[in-house]
């Protein structure tokens, strides 16, 4: 869950990425704040990254993890 939260913070630091996340998930800023500990939201965040490889790679690089770590974290949250 910590990795997903770090990924969410990374996404929200860029207005274009944040807007795209909100558009694709149907969430708004209040929805994210109220559900930040919800595994389903964190899975959606990681799914958002997995669906756009350039962001997946950039996020992984910033978090100093291999991209597969983000994908595996999503799979763990999905269980």
C-alpha atoms as a PDB file:
ATOM      1  CA  UNK A   1       0.000   0.000   0.000  1.00  0.00           C
ATOM      2  CA  UNK A   2       2.922   2.376   0.698  1.00  0.00           C
ATOM      3  CA  UNK A   3       4.208   1.989  -2.841  1.00  0.00           C
ATOM      4  CA  UNK A   4       0.774   2.776  -4.251  1.00  0.00           C
ATOM      5  CA  UNK A   5       0.467   5.839  -2.029  1.00  0.00           C
ATOM      6  CA  UNK A   6       3.880   7.041  -3.188  1.00  0.00           C
ATOM      7  CA  UNK A   7       2.762   6.509  -6.788  1.00  0.00           C
ATOM      8  CA  UNK A   8      -0.403   8.518  -6.132  1.00  0.00           C
ATOM      9  CA  UNK A   9       1.639  11.392  -4.722  1.00  0.00           C
ATOM     10  CA  UNK A  10       3.884  11.241  -7.794  1.00  0.00           C
ATOM     11  CA  UNK A  11       0.855  11.357 -10.108  1.00  0.00           C
ATOM     12  CA  UNK A  12      -0.746  14.276  -8.291  1.00  0.00           C
ATOM     13  CA  UNK A  13       2.423  16.375  -8.501  1.00  0.00           C
ATOM     14  CA  UNK A  14       1.842  16.860 -12.220  1.00  0.00           C
ATOM     15  CA  UNK A  15      -1.358  18.627 -13.265  1.00  0.00           C
ATOM     16  CA  UNK A  16      -1.722  16.787 -16.585  1.00  0.00           C
ATOM     17  CA  UNK A  17      -1.238  13.359 -14.977  1.00  0.00           C
ATOM     18  CA  UNK A  18      -3.573  14.280 -12.129  1.00  0.00           C
ATOM     19  CA  UNK A  19      -6.279  15.478 -14.535  1.00  0.00           C
ATOM     20  CA  UNK A  20      -5.930  12.301 -16.593  1.00  0.00           C
ATOM     21  CA  UNK A  21      -6.229  10.130 -13.458  1.00  0.00           C
ATOM     22  CA  UNK A  22      -9.362  11.989 -12.375  1.00  0.00           C
ATOM     23  CA  UNK A  23     -10.887  11.749 -15.851  1.00  0.00           C
ATOM     24  CA  UNK A  24     -10.186   8.029 -16.204  1.00  0.00           C
ATOM     25  CA  UNK A  25     -11.318   7.049 -12.701  1.00  0.00           C
ATOM     26  CA  UNK A  26     -14.253   9.433 -12.333  1.00  0.00           C
ATOM     27  CA  UNK A  27     -12.890  10.509  -8.975  1.00  0.00           C
ATOM     28  CA  UNK A  28     -12.426  14.033  -7.719  1.00  0.00           C
ATOM     29  CA  UNK A  29      -9.941  15.426  -5.224  1.00  0.00           C
ATOM     30  CA  UNK A  30     -12.339  14.916  -2.301  1.00  0.00           C
ATOM     31  CA  UNK A  31     -12.960  11.330  -3.371  1.00  0.00           C
ATOM     32  CA  UNK A  32      -9.264  10.621  -3.394  1.00  0.00           C
ATOM     33  CA  UNK A  33      -8.765  12.222   0.015  1.00  0.00           C
ATOM     34  CA  UNK A  34     -11.608  10.253   1.568  1.00  0.00           C
ATOM     35  CA  UNK A  35     -10.489   6.922   0.069  1.00  0.00           C
ATOM     36  CA  UNK A  36      -6.713   7.212   0.302  1.00  0.00           C
ATOM     37  CA  UNK A  37      -6.538   4.087   2.499  1.00  0.00           C
ATOM     38  CA  UNK A  38      -8.923   2.100   0.293  1.00  0.00           C
ATOM     39  CA  UNK A  39      -7.086  -0.784  -1.416  1.00  0.00           C
ATOM     40  CA  UNK A  40      -9.456  -0.520  -4.401  1.00  0.00           C
ATOM     41  CA  UNK A  41      -8.399   3.077  -4.978  1.00  0.00           C
ATOM     42  CA  UNK A  42      -4.736   2.180  -4.666  1.00  0.00           C
ATOM     43  CA  UNK A  43      -5.249  -0.655  -7.145  1.00  0.00           C
ATOM     44  CA  UNK A  44      -6.864   1.835  -9.545  1.00  0.00           C
ATOM     45  CA  UNK A  45      -3.913   4.194  -9.153  1.00  0.00           C
ATOM     46  CA  UNK A  46      -1.457   1.442 -10.017  1.00  0.00           C
ATOM     47  CA  UNK A  47      -3.718   0.308 -12.850  1.00  0.00           C
ATOM     48  CA  UNK A  48      -3.637   3.825 -14.211  1.00  0.00           C
ATOM     49  CA  UNK A  49       0.161   3.643 -14.287  1.00  0.00           C
ATOM     50  CA  UNK A  50       0.197   0.146 -15.762  1.00  0.00           C
ATOM     51  CA  UNK A  51      -2.056   1.379 -18.557  1.00  0.00           C
ATOM     52  CA  UNK A  52       0.394   4.069 -19.641  1.00  0.00           C
ATOM     53  CA  UNK A  53       3.917   2.700 -19.904  1.00  0.00           C
ATOM     54  CA  UNK A  54       5.738   6.056 -20.081  1.00  0.00           C
ATOM     55  CA  UNK A  55       4.205   7.064 -16.735  1.00  0.00           C
ATOM     56  CA  UNK A  56       4.859   3.621 -15.265  1.00  0.00           C
ATOM     57  CA  UNK A  57       8.534   3.854 -16.138  1.00  0.00           C
ATOM     58  CA  UNK A  58       8.859   7.477 -15.018  1.00  0.00           C
ATOM     59  CA  UNK A  59       7.142   6.789 -11.705  1.00  0.00           C
ATOM     60  CA  UNK A  60       9.237   3.706 -11.060  1.00  0.00           C
ATOM     61  CA  UNK A  61      12.385   5.668 -11.779  1.00  0.00           C
ATOM     62  CA  UNK A  62      11.343   8.456  -9.397  1.00  0.00           C
ATOM     63  CA  UNK A  63      10.469   5.939  -6.673  1.00  0.00           C
ATOM     64  CA  UNK A  64      13.691   4.027  -7.352  1.00  0.00           C
ATOM     65  CA  UNK A  65      11.939   0.711  -7.965  1.00  0.00           C
ATOM     66  CA  UNK A  66      11.707  -1.476 -11.058  1.00  0.00           C
ATOM     67  CA  UNK A  67       8.472  -0.941 -13.022  1.00  0.00           C
ATOM     68  CA  UNK A  68       7.473  -4.536 -12.307  1.00  0.00           C
ATOM     69  CA  UNK A  69       7.314  -3.664  -8.597  1.00  0.00           C
ATOM     70  CA  UNK A  70       4.390  -1.343  -9.314  1.00  0.00           C
ATOM     71  CA  UNK A  71       2.647  -3.991 -11.394  1.00  0.00           C
ATOM     72  CA  UNK A  72       3.145  -6.624  -8.693  1.00  0.00           C
ATOM     73  CA  UNK A  73       1.878  -4.227  -6.020  1.00  0.00           C
ATOM     74  CA  UNK A  74      -1.303  -3.799  -8.062  1.00  0.00           C
ATOM     75  CA  UNK A  75      -1.723  -7.559  -8.309  1.00  0.00           C
ATOM     76  CA  UNK A  76      -1.341  -7.907  -4.515  1.00  0.00           C
ATOM     77  CA  UNK A  77      -3.998  -5.256  -3.940  1.00  0.00           C
ATOM     78  CA  UNK A  78      -6.350  -7.033  -6.356  1.00  0.00           C
ATOM     79  CA  UNK A  79      -6.327 -10.240  -4.291  1.00  0.00           C
END
